[in-house]
Every structure is written in structure tokens, then in C-alpha cells.
Amino acid sequence: MMFHGLFEEGDWSVPKRYGYGAGLPIAWRGWAVLGMYLAIVFATTLAPLAGVAVLIIAMTVLVLATCWLVVIAQRHARGGWRWRWGED
């Protein structure tokens, strides 16, 4: 399977010191997922040039990709997601 190594268990990012969520990735898998997401975001910026129908499809793809990124980031963040005030 081509993407077998991409979906292994483990921590891909560390939690943010302040606030809610994860910080930058610490593993190549996290960087790969972030890179794929940014490529999708960039591709959707070209959609308005193609017409309204393509724009609606592109926005749908962008929403689904954002949901995918949040689920993957939440699942692979060290310590999970919760509000943090700077303590260790």
C-alpha cells in the first residue's frame, strides 16, 4: 500500500503552549499532511477564474480538506487538544 507509512500511530505535532490546538509538526508525516493541505488551499485560489460552478466545487473541497486536517491534527497531537495557559 502506497500510503501505509503515512497513517502509522504516533505524535506528529506538539501542543501549543498558549491556546487551543496543535503547533507546527514535529514528524515528516505532519509536514506531509500540512503540505497537502496548503496545496489544496493554493489550488482553490485559482477556482474563481474558471466560473461559479468550479468555485462552488472548490469551496466544498476546501471545507472537506480543512475538516480532514483538523481530524488528523487532533488525532496525532502529543497530549491531545485542550486549552493551555503556558504551563508544561
Protein backbone atom coordinates (compact mmCIF):
# COMPACT_ATOMS: atom_id res chain seq x y z
CA MET A 1 0.00 0.00 0.00
CA MET A 2 1.43 3.35 -1.06
CA PHE A 3 0.36 5.44 1.96
CA HIS A 4 0.80 2.76 4.63
CA GLY A 5 3.59 4.65 6.46
CA LEU A 6 1.61 7.88 6.40
CA PHE A 7 -1.09 6.55 8.73
CA GLU A 8 1.06 4.96 11.44
CA GLU A 9 0.34 5.85 15.05
CA GLY A 10 2.47 8.36 16.88
CA ASP A 11 2.84 12.05 17.63
CA TRP A 12 3.12 14.30 14.62
CA SER A 13 2.91 17.65 16.43
CA VAL A 14 3.33 19.18 19.84
CA PRO A 15 0.59 21.16 21.56
CA LYS A 16 0.61 24.93 21.51
CA ARG A 17 1.97 26.49 24.68
CA TYR A 18 -0.86 29.05 24.83
CA GLY A 19 -4.34 28.50 23.45
CA TYR A 20 -6.10 25.54 21.91
CA GLY A 21 -4.83 23.10 19.32
CA ALA A 22 -1.54 21.89 17.93
CA GLY A 23 1.58 23.76 16.92
CA LEU A 24 3.84 23.03 13.98
CA PRO A 25 4.52 19.41 13.01
CA ILE A 26 7.46 17.53 14.51
CA ALA A 27 7.36 14.49 12.19
CA TRP A 28 7.61 14.16 8.42
CA ARG A 29 4.04 12.80 8.33
CA GLY A 30 2.73 16.00 9.87
CA TRP A 31 4.67 18.11 7.38
CA ALA A 32 3.34 15.96 4.53
CA VAL A 33 -0.27 16.44 5.65
CA LEU A 34 0.27 20.18 6.10
CA GLY A 35 1.89 20.38 2.65
CA MET A 36 -1.05 18.56 1.04
CA TYR A 37 -3.48 20.91 2.76
CA LEU A 38 -1.58 24.00 1.62
CA ALA A 39 -1.51 22.65 -1.95
CA ILE A 40 -5.30 22.27 -1.84
CA VAL A 41 -5.67 25.81 -0.47
CA PHE A 42 -3.47 27.16 -3.25
CA ALA A 43 -5.38 25.21 -5.92
CA THR A 44 -8.70 26.60 -4.71
CA THR A 45 -7.42 30.17 -5.17
CA LEU A 46 -7.47 29.53 -8.93
CA ALA A 47 -11.14 28.48 -8.92
CA PRO A 48 -12.71 31.95 -9.36
CA LEU A 49 -11.01 32.14 -12.77
CA ALA A 50 -12.98 29.12 -14.01
CA GLY A 51 -16.55 30.13 -13.15
CA VAL A 52 -19.20 29.82 -10.48
CA ALA A 53 -19.70 26.04 -10.68
CA VAL A 54 -15.99 25.39 -10.24
CA LEU A 55 -15.88 27.90 -7.38
CA ILE A 56 -18.64 26.03 -5.52
CA ILE A 57 -16.83 22.72 -6.02
CA ALA A 58 -13.53 24.27 -4.91
CA MET A 59 -15.06 25.72 -1.73
CA THR A 60 -16.60 22.32 -0.94
CA VAL A 61 -13.21 20.67 -1.41
CA LEU A 62 -11.61 23.34 0.80
CA VAL A 63 -14.12 22.78 3.61
CA LEU A 64 -13.63 18.99 3.43
CA ALA A 65 -9.84 19.38 3.38
CA THR A 66 -9.99 21.65 6.44
CA CYS A 67 -12.10 19.11 8.31
CA TRP A 68 -9.64 16.39 7.29
CA LEU A 69 -6.69 18.47 8.55
CA VAL A 70 -8.36 19.16 11.90
CA VAL A 71 -9.22 15.48 12.46
CA ILE A 72 -5.71 14.30 11.55
CA ALA A 73 -4.04 17.03 13.64
CA GLN A 74 -6.24 16.28 16.63
CA ARG A 75 -5.64 12.55 16.40
CA HIS A 76 -1.84 12.85 16.19
CA ALA A 77 -1.07 15.73 18.57
CA ARG A 78 1.05 14.92 21.60
CA GLY A 79 -1.12 15.30 24.70
CA GLY A 80 -4.32 15.98 22.77
CA TRP A 81 -6.07 19.29 22.28
CA ARG A 82 -7.11 21.37 25.27
CA TRP A 83 -6.77 24.97 26.38
CA ARG A 84 -3.27 25.75 27.69
CA TRP A 85 -2.03 28.74 29.68
CA GLY A 86 1.72 28.24 29.26
CA GLU A 87 2.34 25.60 31.90
CA ASP A 88 4.18 22.41 30.95
